[in-house]
Amino acid sequence: MKTGVSSECQKVVLDANVLYGNLSRDLLISLFAEGFYEAKWTEEITDEWVRHLLANQPSVTPDKNRRTVFLMRQILPSPLVERFDLQVSGALSRPALKLLSAST
């Protein structure tokens, strides 16, 4: 799936708590696909929501979850952030870093 993300969009990290639910995950990925923002997540975030979904929702099969994750990995440009630990440590050392909060 190719998204309409422009280089001017805000980058937003989608944490496990918003990727866990079908409705919020579908809505947020659809908005990303329409170019409203640029979604980002890590393999660790994916592992977390998948693990909790399988533990808490017996009706969700591992096969269904694997398919969902497979489809999420087909999104272009890729929202997957790799080596984020290096990016975070580098960003925190720069004085111009501005963290956005819900009240911003």
PDB file of N, CA and C in Angstrom:
ATOM      1  N   MET A   1       0.841  -1.160   0.000  1.00  0.00           N
ATOM      2  CA  MET A   1       0.000   0.000   0.000  1.00  0.00           C
ATOM      3  C   MET A   1       0.893   1.232   0.000  1.00  0.00           C
ATOM      4  N   LYS A   2       0.682   2.126  -0.930  1.00  0.00           N
ATOM      5  CA  LYS A   2       1.442   3.369  -1.005  1.00  0.00           C
ATOM      6  C   LYS A   2       0.612   4.477  -0.381  1.00  0.00           C
ATOM      7  N   THR A   3       1.242   5.284   0.455  1.00  0.00           N
ATOM      8  CA  THR A   3       0.521   6.361   1.107  1.00  0.00           C
ATOM      9  C   THR A   3       0.769   7.681   0.404  1.00  0.00           C
ATOM     10  N   GLY A   4      -0.066   8.653   0.722  1.00  0.00           N
ATOM     11  CA  GLY A   4       0.066   9.987   0.149  1.00  0.00           C
ATOM     12  C   GLY A   4       0.812  10.936   1.062  1.00  0.00           C
ATOM     13  N   VAL A   5       1.753  10.433   1.835  1.00  0.00           N
ATOM     14  CA  VAL A   5       2.476  11.241   2.800  1.00  0.00           C
ATOM     15  C   VAL A   5       3.424  12.194   2.089  1.00  0.00           C
ATOM     16  N   SER A   6       3.373  13.463   2.488  1.00  0.00           N
ATOM     17  CA  SER A   6       4.312  14.447   1.945  1.00  0.00           C
ATOM     18  C   SER A   6       5.432  14.662   2.951  1.00  0.00           C
ATOM     19  N   SER A   7       6.504  15.286   2.506  1.00  0.00           N
ATOM     20  CA  SER A   7       7.647  15.516   3.391  1.00  0.00           C
ATOM     21  C   SER A   7       7.328  16.543   4.474  1.00  0.00           C
ATOM     22  N   GLU A   8       6.195  17.256   4.360  1.00  0.00           N
ATOM     23  CA  GLU A   8       5.829  18.280   5.323  1.00  0.00           C
ATOM     24  C   GLU A   8       4.973  17.747   6.469  1.00  0.00           C
ATOM     25  N   CYS A   9       4.586  16.481   6.436  1.00  0.00           N
ATOM     26  CA  CYS A   9       3.714  15.908   7.459  1.00  0.00           C
ATOM     27  C   CYS A   9       4.450  15.702   8.778  1.00  0.00           C
ATOM     28  N   GLN A  10       3.679  15.785   9.859  1.00  0.00           N
ATOM     29  CA  GLN A  10       4.212  15.463  11.175  1.00  0.00           C
ATOM     30  C   GLN A  10       4.467  13.965  11.263  1.00  0.00           C
ATOM     31  N   LYS A  11       5.569  13.601  11.880  1.00  0.00           N
ATOM     32  CA  LYS A  11       5.848  12.196  12.155  1.00  0.00           C
ATOM     33  C   LYS A  11       5.262  11.874  13.518  1.00  0.00           C
ATOM     34  N   VAL A  12       4.518  10.760  13.584  1.00  0.00           N
ATOM     35  CA  VAL A  12       3.838  10.371  14.815  1.00  0.00           C
ATOM     36  C   VAL A  12       4.163   8.911  15.112  1.00  0.00           C
ATOM     37  N   VAL A  13       4.631   8.658  16.331  1.00  0.00           N
ATOM     38  CA  VAL A  13       4.898   7.283  16.751  1.00  0.00           C
ATOM     39  C   VAL A  13       3.591   6.683  17.247  1.00  0.00           C
ATOM     40  N   LEU A  14       3.181   5.576  16.616  1.00  0.00           N
ATOM     41  CA  LEU A  14       1.996   4.850  17.057  1.00  0.00           C
ATOM     42  C   LEU A  14       2.459   3.773  18.031  1.00  0.00           C
ATOM     43  N   ASP A  15       2.098   3.923  19.288  1.00  0.00           N
ATOM     44  CA  ASP A  15       2.521   2.985  20.315  1.00  0.00           C
ATOM     45  C   ASP A  15       1.585   1.776  20.328  1.00  0.00           C
ATOM     46  N   ALA A  16       1.971   0.774  21.085  1.00  0.00           N
ATOM     47  CA  ALA A  16       1.213  -0.483  21.139  1.00  0.00           C
ATOM     48  C   ALA A  16      -0.227  -0.265  21.582  1.00  0.00           C
ATOM     49  N   ASN A  17      -0.462   0.702  22.463  1.00  0.00           N
ATOM     50  CA  ASN A  17      -1.822   0.903  22.967  1.00  0.00           C
ATOM     51  C   ASN A  17      -2.798   1.357  21.880  1.00  0.00           C
ATOM     52  N   VAL A  18      -2.333   2.058  20.837  1.00  0.00           N
ATOM     53  CA  VAL A  18      -3.242   2.460  19.761  1.00  0.00           C
ATOM     54  C   VAL A  18      -3.254   1.452  18.616  1.00  0.00           C
ATOM     55  N   LEU A  19      -2.227   0.629  18.507  1.00  0.00           N
ATOM     56  CA  LEU A  19      -2.211  -0.411  17.467  1.00  0.00           C
ATOM     57  C   LEU A  19      -2.919  -1.681  17.936  1.00  0.00           C
ATOM     58  N   TYR A  20      -3.166  -1.808  19.214  1.00  0.00           N
ATOM     59  CA  TYR A  20      -3.790  -2.985  19.804  1.00  0.00           C
ATOM     60  C   TYR A  20      -5.219  -3.191  19.293  1.00  0.00           C
ATOM     61  N   GLY A  21      -6.015  -2.157  19.282  1.00  0.00           N
ATOM     62  CA  GLY A  21      -7.419  -2.282  18.878  1.00  0.00           C
ATOM     63  C   GLY A  21      -7.596  -2.177  17.369  1.00  0.00           C
ATOM     64  N   ASN A  22      -8.466  -3.022  16.811  1.00  0.00           N
ATOM     65  CA  ASN A  22      -8.708  -3.008  15.358  1.00  0.00           C
ATOM     66  C   ASN A  22      -9.173  -1.643  14.865  1.00  0.00           C
ATOM     67  N   LEU A  23     -10.138  -1.060  15.563  1.00  0.00           N
ATOM     68  CA  LEU A  23     -10.723   0.203  15.111  1.00  0.00           C
ATOM     69  C   LEU A  23      -9.686   1.320  15.098  1.00  0.00           C
ATOM     70  N   SER A  24      -8.966   1.487  16.208  1.00  0.00           N
ATOM     71  CA  SER A  24      -7.975   2.568  16.249  1.00  0.00           C
ATOM     72  C   SER A  24      -6.839   2.302  15.261  1.00  0.00           C
ATOM     73  N   ARG A  25      -6.394   1.044  15.139  1.00  0.00           N
ATOM     74  CA  ARG A  25      -5.323   0.707  14.196  1.00  0.00           C
ATOM     75  C   ARG A  25      -5.760   0.997  12.763  1.00  0.00           C
ATOM     76  N   ASP A  26      -6.957   0.566  12.395  1.00  0.00           N
ATOM     77  CA  ASP A  26      -7.453   0.793  11.029  1.00  0.00           C
ATOM     78  C   ASP A  26      -7.624   2.280  10.737  1.00  0.00           C
ATOM     79  N   LEU A  27      -8.179   3.014  11.698  1.00  0.00           N
ATOM     80  CA  LEU A  27      -8.381   4.448  11.508  1.00  0.00           C
ATOM     81  C   LEU A  27      -7.050   5.174  11.346  1.00  0.00           C
ATOM     82  N   LEU A  28      -6.111   4.908  12.235  1.00  0.00           N
ATOM     83  CA  LEU A  28      -4.824   5.611  12.188  1.00  0.00           C
ATOM     84  C   LEU A  28      -4.020   5.251  10.939  1.00  0.00           C
ATOM     85  N   ILE A  29      -4.067   4.002  10.518  1.00  0.00           N
ATOM     86  CA  ILE A  29      -3.347   3.619   9.294  1.00  0.00           C
ATOM     87  C   ILE A  29      -4.034   4.219   8.071  1.00  0.00           C
ATOM     88  N   SER A  30      -5.365   4.299   8.088  1.00  0.00           N
ATOM     89  CA  SER A  30      -6.083   4.932   6.971  1.00  0.00           C
ATOM     90  C   SER A  30      -5.741   6.417   6.860  1.00  0.00           C
ATOM     91  N   LEU A  31      -5.678   7.106   7.992  1.00  0.00           N
ATOM     92  CA  LEU A  31      -5.307   8.520   7.978  1.00  0.00           C
ATOM     93  C   LEU A  31      -3.867   8.704   7.486  1.00  0.00           C
ATOM     94  N   PHE A  32      -2.992   7.791   7.854  1.00  0.00           N
ATOM     95  CA  PHE A  32      -1.613   7.794   7.360  1.00  0.00           C
ATOM     96  C   PHE A  32      -1.613   7.600   5.843  1.00  0.00           C
ATOM     97  N   ALA A  33      -2.398   6.642   5.375  1.00  0.00           N
ATOM     98  CA  ALA A  33      -2.460   6.361   3.935  1.00  0.00           C
ATOM     99  C   ALA A  33      -2.983   7.560   3.148  1.00  0.00           C
ATOM    100  N   GLU A  34      -3.850   8.365   3.776  1.00  0.00           N
ATOM    101  CA  GLU A  34      -4.403   9.551   3.119  1.00  0.00           C
ATOM    102  C   GLU A  34      -3.478  10.757   3.210  1.00  0.00           C
ATOM    103  N   GLY A  35      -2.364  10.627   3.926  1.00  0.00           N
ATOM    104  CA  GLY A  35      -1.376  11.695   3.987  1.00  0.00           C
ATOM    105  C   GLY A  35      -1.581  12.722   5.082  1.00  0.00           C
ATOM    106  N   PHE A  36      -2.424  12.416   6.072  1.00  0.00           N
ATOM    107  CA  PHE A  36      -2.654  13.364   7.161  1.00  0.00           C
ATOM    108  C   PHE A  36      -1.458  13.485   8.093  1.00  0.00           C
ATOM    109  N   TYR A  37      -0.677  12.450   8.200  1.00  0.00           N
ATOM    110  CA  TYR A  37       0.520  12.444   9.030  1.00  0.00           C
ATOM    111  C   TYR A  37       1.392  11.279   8.587  1.00  0.00           C
ATOM    112  N   GLU A  38       2.597  11.195   9.121  1.00  0.00           N
ATOM    113  CA  GLU A  38       3.503  10.084   8.807  1.00  0.00           C
ATOM    114  C   GLU A  38       3.626   9.192  10.030  1.00  0.00           C
ATOM    115  N   ALA A  39       3.076   7.994   9.936  1.00  0.00           N
ATOM    116  CA  ALA A  39       3.100   7.050  11.052  1.00  0.00           C
ATOM    117  C   ALA A  39       4.462   6.391  11.172  1.00  0.00           C
ATOM    118  N   LYS A  40       4.847   6.117  12.407  1.00  0.00           N
ATOM    119  CA  LYS A  40       6.094   5.410  12.704  1.00  0.00           C
ATOM    120  C   LYS A  40       5.835   4.432  13.836  1.00  0.00           C
ATOM    121  N   TRP A  41       6.497   3.285  13.788  1.00  0.00           N
ATOM    122  CA  TRP A  41       6.504   2.335  14.897  1.00  0.00           C
ATOM    123  C   TRP A  41       7.727   1.454  14.754  1.00  0.00           C
ATOM    124  N   THR A  42       8.004   0.680  15.776  1.00  0.00           N
ATOM    125  CA  THR A  42       9.176  -0.202  15.783  1.00  0.00           C
ATOM    126  C   THR A  42       8.720  -1.652  15.862  1.00  0.00           C
ATOM    127  N   GLU A  43       9.648  -2.560  15.639  1.00  0.00           N
ATOM    128  CA  GLU A  43       9.344  -3.991  15.805  1.00  0.00           C
ATOM    129  C   GLU A  43       8.963  -4.276  17.253  1.00  0.00           C
ATOM    130  N   GLU A  44       9.594  -3.569  18.196  1.00  0.00           N
ATOM    131  CA  GLU A  44       9.271  -3.770  19.613  1.00  0.00           C
ATOM    132  C   GLU A  44       7.834  -3.381  19.899  1.00  0.00           C
ATOM    133  N   ILE A  45       7.370  -2.304  19.290  1.00  0.00           N
ATOM    134  CA  ILE A  45       5.970  -1.890  19.455  1.00  0.00           C
ATOM    135  C   ILE A  45       5.044  -2.938  18.851  1.00  0.00           C
ATOM    136  N   THR A  46       5.375  -3.429  17.665  1.00  0.00           N
ATOM    137  CA  THR A  46       4.563  -4.479  17.028  1.00  0.00           C
ATOM    138  C   THR A  46       4.515  -5.724  17.898  1.00  0.00           C
ATOM    139  N   ASP A  47       5.674  -6.158  18.390  1.00  0.00           N
ATOM    140  CA  ASP A  47       5.722  -7.348  19.249  1.00  0.00           C
ATOM    141  C   ASP A  47       4.844  -7.174  20.487  1.00  0.00           C
ATOM    142  N   GLU A  48       4.850  -5.973  21.049  1.00  0.00           N
ATOM    143  CA  GLU A  48       4.074  -5.725  22.269  1.00  0.00           C
ATOM    144  C   GLU A  48       2.571  -5.827  22.025  1.00  0.00           C
ATOM    145  N   TRP A  49       2.053  -5.140  20.978  1.00  0.00           N
ATOM    146  CA  TRP A  49       0.600  -5.205  20.784  1.00  0.00           C
ATOM    147  C   TRP A  49       0.152  -6.585  20.336  1.00  0.00           C
ATOM    148  N   VAL A  50       0.966  -7.275  19.541  1.00  0.00           N
ATOM    149  CA  VAL A  50       0.618  -8.633  19.111  1.00  0.00           C
ATOM    150  C   VAL A  50       0.589  -9.582  20.308  1.00  0.00           C
ATOM    151  N   ARG A  51       1.597  -9.499  21.151  1.00  0.00           N
ATOM    152  CA  ARG A  51       1.672 -10.373  22.334  1.00  0.00           C
ATOM    153  C   ARG A  51       0.451 -10.170  23.238  1.00  0.00           C
ATOM    154  N   HIS A  52       0.100  -8.918  23.487  1.00  0.00           N
ATOM    155  CA  HIS A  52      -1.040  -8.641  24.369  1.00  0.00           C
ATOM    156  C   HIS A  52      -2.370  -9.010  23.721  1.00  0.00           C
ATOM    157  N   LEU A  53      -2.494  -8.801  22.436  1.00  0.00           N
ATOM    158  CA  LEU A  53      -3.722  -9.170  21.747  1.00  0.00           C
ATOM    159  C   LEU A  53      -3.940 -10.680  21.799  1.00  0.00           C
ATOM    160  N   LEU A  54      -2.887 -11.447  21.545  1.00  0.00           N
ATOM    161  CA  LEU A  54      -3.013 -12.908  21.595  1.00  0.00           C
ATOM    162  C   LEU A  54      -3.321 -13.398  23.009  1.00  0.00           C
ATOM    163  N   ALA A  55      -2.767 -12.731  24.016  1.00  0.00           N
ATOM    164  CA  ALA A  55      -3.007 -13.139  25.407  1.00  0.00           C
ATOM    165  C   ALA A  55      -4.414 -12.775  25.881  1.00  0.00           C
ATOM    166  N   ASN A  56      -4.946 -11.651  25.386  1.00  0.00           N
ATOM    167  CA  ASN A  56      -6.212 -11.141  25.906  1.00  0.00           C
ATOM    168  C   ASN A  56      -7.433 -11.429  25.037  1.00  0.00           C
ATOM    169  N   GLN A  57      -7.222 -11.795  23.788  1.00  0.00           N
ATOM    170  CA  GLN A  57      -8.340 -12.028  22.870  1.00  0.00           C
ATOM    171  C   GLN A  57      -8.231 -13.434  22.268  1.00  0.00           C
ATOM    172  N   PRO A  58      -8.791 -14.429  22.933  1.00  0.00           N
ATOM    173  CA  PRO A  58      -8.674 -15.800  22.440  1.00  0.00           C
ATOM    174  C   PRO A  58      -9.269 -16.013  21.046  1.00  0.00           C
ATOM    175  N   SER A  59     -10.179 -15.120  20.619  1.00  0.00           N
ATOM    176  CA  SER A  59     -10.784 -15.271  19.295  1.00  0.00           C
ATOM    177  C   SER A  59      -9.836 -14.847  18.174  1.00  0.00           C
ATOM    178  N   VAL A  60      -8.772 -14.143  18.517  1.00  0.00           N
ATOM    179  CA  VAL A  60      -7.791 -13.717  17.514  1.00  0.00           C
ATOM    180  C   VAL A  60      -6.737 -14.802  17.385  1.00  0.00           C
ATOM    181  N   THR A  61      -6.617 -15.344  16.192  1.00  0.00           N
ATOM    182  CA  THR A  61      -5.660 -16.432  15.976  1.00  0.00           C
ATOM    183  C   THR A  61      -4.288 -15.877  15.611  1.00  0.00           C
ATOM    184  N   PRO A  62      -3.238 -16.651  15.892  1.00  0.00           N
ATOM    185  CA  PRO A  62      -1.901 -16.225  15.469  1.00  0.00           C
ATOM    186  C   PRO A  62      -1.820 -15.995  13.964  1.00  0.00           C
ATOM    187  N   ASP A  63      -2.519 -16.822  13.169  1.00  0.00           N
ATOM    188  CA  ASP A  63      -2.505 -16.639  11.709  1.00  0.00           C
ATOM    189  C   ASP A  63      -3.095 -15.289  11.304  1.00  0.00           C
ATOM    190  N   LYS A  64      -4.200 -14.911  11.936  1.00  0.00           N
ATOM    191  CA  LYS A  64      -4.820 -13.621  11.625  1.00  0.00           C
ATOM    192  C   LYS A  64      -3.875 -12.482  11.996  1.00  0.00           C
ATOM    193  N   ASN A  65      -3.226 -12.605  13.139  1.00  0.00           N
ATOM    194  CA  ASN A  65      -2.276 -11.581  13.563  1.00  0.00           C
ATOM    195  C   ASN A  65      -1.084 -11.498  12.620  1.00  0.00           C
ATOM    196  N   ARG A  66      -0.572 -12.638  12.183  1.00  0.00           N
ATOM    197  CA  ARG A  66       0.558 -12.647  11.243  1.00  0.00           C
ATOM    198  C   ARG A  66       0.175 -11.945   9.945  1.00  0.00           C
ATOM    199  N   ARG A  67      -1.050 -12.166   9.480  1.00  0.00           N
ATOM    200  CA  ARG A  67      -1.505 -11.508   8.254  1.00  0.00           C
ATOM    201  C   ARG A  67      -1.590  -9.991   8.453  1.00  0.00           C
ATOM    202  N   THR A  68      -2.132  -9.562   9.584  1.00  0.00           N
ATOM    203  CA  THR A  68      -2.223  -8.128   9.863  1.00  0.00           C
ATOM    204  C   THR A  68      -0.836  -7.500   9.874  1.00  0.00           C
ATOM    205  N   VAL A  69       0.100  -8.130  10.570  1.00  0.00           N
ATOM    206  CA  VAL A  69       1.467  -7.599  10.638  1.00  0.00           C
ATOM    207  C   VAL A  69       2.108  -7.610   9.250  1.00  0.00           C
ATOM    208  N   PHE A  70       1.872  -8.665   8.480  1.00  0.00           N
ATOM    209  CA  PHE A  70       2.411  -8.729   7.113  1.00  0.00           C
ATOM    210  C   PHE A  70       1.904  -7.551   6.286  1.00  0.00           C
ATOM    211  N   LEU A  71       0.600  -7.281   6.354  1.00  0.00           N
ATOM    212  CA  LEU A  71       0.027  -6.171   5.591  1.00  0.00           C
ATOM    213  C   LEU A  71       0.568  -4.822   6.066  1.00  0.00           C
ATOM    214  N   MET A  72       0.774  -4.684   7.363  1.00  0.00           N
ATOM    215  CA  MET A  72       1.334  -3.437   7.889  1.00  0.00           C
ATOM    216  C   MET A  72       2.761  -3.229   7.384  1.00  0.00           C
ATOM    217  N   ARG A  73       3.479  -4.303   7.141  1.00  0.00           N
ATOM    218  CA  ARG A  73       4.862  -4.195   6.652  1.00  0.00           C
ATOM    219  C   ARG A  73       4.929  -3.879   5.158  1.00  0.00           C
ATOM    220  N   GLN A  74       3.793  -3.940   4.457  1.00  0.00           N
ATOM    221  CA  GLN A  74       3.756  -3.641   3.030  1.00  0.00           C
ATOM    222  C   GLN A  74       3.534  -2.160   2.751  1.00  0.00           C
ATOM    223  N   ILE A  75       3.250  -1.387   3.777  1.00  0.00           N
ATOM    224  CA  ILE A  75       2.962   0.035   3.610  1.00  0.00           C
ATOM    225  C   ILE A  75       4.212   0.768   3.135  1.00  0.00           C
ATOM    226  N   LEU A  76       4.020   1.632   2.132  1.00  0.00           N
ATOM    227  CA  LEU A  76       5.116   2.459   1.617  1.00  0.00           C
ATOM    228  C   LEU A  76       4.701   3.916   1.665  1.00  0.00           C
ATOM    229  N   PRO A  77       5.529   4.835   2.110  1.00  0.00           N
ATOM    230  CA  PRO A  77       6.855   4.570   2.665  1.00  0.00           C
ATOM    231  C   PRO A  77       6.731   3.839   4.000  1.00  0.00           C
ATOM    232  N   SER A  78       7.721   3.034   4.289  1.00  0.00           N
ATOM    233  CA  SER A  78       7.680   2.190   5.471  1.00  0.00           C
ATOM    234  C   SER A  78       7.600   3.001   6.752  1.00  0.00           C
ATOM    235  N   PRO A  79       6.621   2.678   7.599  1.00  0.00           N
ATOM    236  CA  PRO A  79       6.545   3.356   8.888  1.00  0.00           C
ATOM    237  C   PRO A  79       7.488   2.741   9.932  1.00  0.00           C
ATOM    238  N   LEU A  80       8.126   1.639   9.576  1.00  0.00           N
ATOM    239  CA  LEU A  80       8.977   0.927  10.524  1.00  0.00           C
ATOM    240  C   LEU A  80      10.263   1.698  10.785  1.00  0.00           C
ATOM    241  N   VAL A  81      10.525   1.954  12.059  1.00  0.00           N
ATOM    242  CA  VAL A  81      11.746   2.643  12.472  1.00  0.00           C
ATOM    243  C   VAL A  81      12.725   1.589  12.972  1.00  0.00           C
ATOM    244  N   GLU A  82      13.886   1.557  12.353  1.00  0.00           N
ATOM    245  CA  GLU A  82      14.924   0.618  12.771  1.00  0.00           C
ATOM    246  C   GLU A  82      16.039   1.384  13.446  1.00  0.00           C
ATOM    247  N   ARG A  83      16.691   0.742  14.377  1.00  0.00           N
ATOM    248  CA  ARG A  83      17.812   1.336  15.121  1.00  0.00           C
ATOM    249  C   ARG A  83      17.384   2.632  15.809  1.00  0.00           C
ATOM    250  N   PHE A  84      16.146   2.636  16.324  1.00  0.00           N
ATOM    251  CA  PHE A  84      15.632   3.840  16.966  1.00  0.00           C
ATOM    252  C   PHE A  84      16.441   4.228  18.192  1.00  0.00           C
ATOM    253  N   ASP A  85      17.081   3.256  18.827  1.00  0.00           N
ATOM    254  CA  ASP A  85      17.876   3.571  20.009  1.00  0.00           C
ATOM    255  C   ASP A  85      18.998   4.548  19.675  1.00  0.00           C
ATOM    256  N   LEU A  86      19.602   4.378  18.506  1.00  0.00           N
ATOM    257  CA  LEU A  86      20.653   5.305  18.085  1.00  0.00           C
ATOM    258  C   LEU A  86      20.067   6.662  17.717  1.00  0.00           C
ATOM    259  N   GLN A  87      18.900   6.655  17.081  1.00  0.00           N
ATOM    260  CA  GLN A  87      18.263   7.911  16.694  1.00  0.00           C
ATOM    261  C   GLN A  87      17.840   8.717  17.912  1.00  0.00           C
ATOM    262  N   VAL A  88      17.302   8.045  18.918  1.00  0.00           N
ATOM    263  CA  VAL A  88      16.853   8.741  20.123  1.00  0.00           C
ATOM    264  C   VAL A  88      18.042   9.321  20.874  1.00  0.00           C
ATOM    265  N   SER A  89      19.090   8.525  21.046  1.00  0.00           N
ATOM    266  CA  SER A  89      20.240   9.039  21.787  1.00  0.00           C
ATOM    267  C   SER A  89      20.882  10.204  21.042  1.00  0.00           C
ATOM    268  N   GLY A  90      20.907  10.162  19.717  1.00  0.00           N
ATOM    269  CA  GLY A  90      21.449  11.274  18.944  1.00  0.00           C
ATOM    270  C   GLY A  90      20.571  12.502  19.029  1.00  0.00           C
ATOM    271  N   ALA A  91      19.253  12.305  18.977  1.00  0.00           N
ATOM    272  CA  ALA A  91      18.322  13.429  19.036  1.00  0.00           C
ATOM    273  C   ALA A  91      18.345  14.090  20.406  1.00  0.00           C
ATOM    274  N   LEU A  92      18.477  13.305  21.456  1.00  0.00           N
ATOM    275  CA  LEU A  92      18.480  13.876  22.799  1.00  0.00           C
ATOM    276  C   LEU A  92      19.727  14.700  23.079  1.00  0.00           C
ATOM    277  N   SER A  93      20.781  14.442  22.332  1.00  0.00           N
ATOM    278  CA  SER A  93      22.000  15.217  22.543  1.00  0.00           C
ATOM    279  C   SER A  93      21.961  16.560  21.826  1.00  0.00           C
ATOM    280  N   ARG A  94      20.959  16.766  20.950  1.00  0.00           N
ATOM    281  CA  ARG A  94      20.816  18.038  20.241  1.00  0.00           C
ATOM    282  C   ARG A  94      19.943  18.980  21.054  1.00  0.00           C
ATOM    283  N   PRO A  95      20.383  20.209  21.278  1.00  0.00           N
ATOM    284  CA  PRO A  95      19.599  21.132  22.103  1.00  0.00           C
ATOM    285  C   PRO A  95      18.294  21.588  21.461  1.00  0.00           C
ATOM    286  N   ALA A  96      18.139  21.469  20.156  1.00  0.00           N
ATOM    287  CA  ALA A  96      16.950  21.979  19.476  1.00  0.00           C
ATOM    288  C   ALA A  96      15.787  20.988  19.476  1.00  0.00           C
ATOM    289  N   LEU A  97      15.918  19.860  20.156  1.00  0.00           N
ATOM    290  CA  LEU A  97      14.856  18.870  20.169  1.00  0.00           C
ATOM    291  C   LEU A  97      13.615  19.427  20.872  1.00  0.00           C
ATOM    292  N   LYS A  98      12.468  19.341  20.204  1.00  0.00           N
ATOM    293  CA  LYS A  98      11.212  19.787  20.781  1.00  0.00           C
ATOM    294  C   LYS A  98      10.279  18.609  20.841  1.00  0.00           C
ATOM    295  N   LEU A  99       9.878  18.219  22.037  1.00  0.00           N
ATOM    296  CA  LEU A  99       8.953  17.128  22.210  1.00  0.00           C
ATOM    297  C   LEU A  99       7.529  17.687  22.271  1.00  0.00           C
ATOM    298  N   LEU A 100       6.638  17.090  21.498  1.00  0.00           N
ATOM    299  CA  LEU A 100       5.248  17.535  21.469  1.00  0.00           C
ATOM    300  C   LEU A 100       4.464  16.769  22.516  1.00  0.00           C
ATOM    301  N   SER A 101       3.581  17.440  23.191  1.00  0.00           N
ATOM    302  CA  SER A 101       2.704  16.789  24.147  1.00  0.00           C
ATOM    303  C   SER A 101       1.272  16.928  23.676  1.00  0.00           C
ATOM    304  N   ALA A 102       0.374  16.257  24.353  1.00  0.00           N
ATOM    305  CA  ALA A 102      -1.046  16.310  23.979  1.00  0.00           C
ATOM    306  C   ALA A 102      -1.600  17.731  24.112  1.00  0.00           C
ATOM    307  N   SER A 103      -0.992  18.549  24.944  1.00  0.00           N
ATOM    308  CA  SER A 103      -1.479  19.913  25.142  1.00  0.00           C
ATOM    309  C   SER A 103      -0.910  20.900  24.140  1.00  0.00           C
ATOM    310  N   THR A 104      -0.003  20.442  23.236  1.00  0.00           N
ATOM    311  CA  THR A 104       0.620  21.332  22.264  1.00  0.00           C
ATOM    312  C   THR A 104      -0.289  21.570  21.092  1.00  0.00           C
TER     313      THR A 104
END
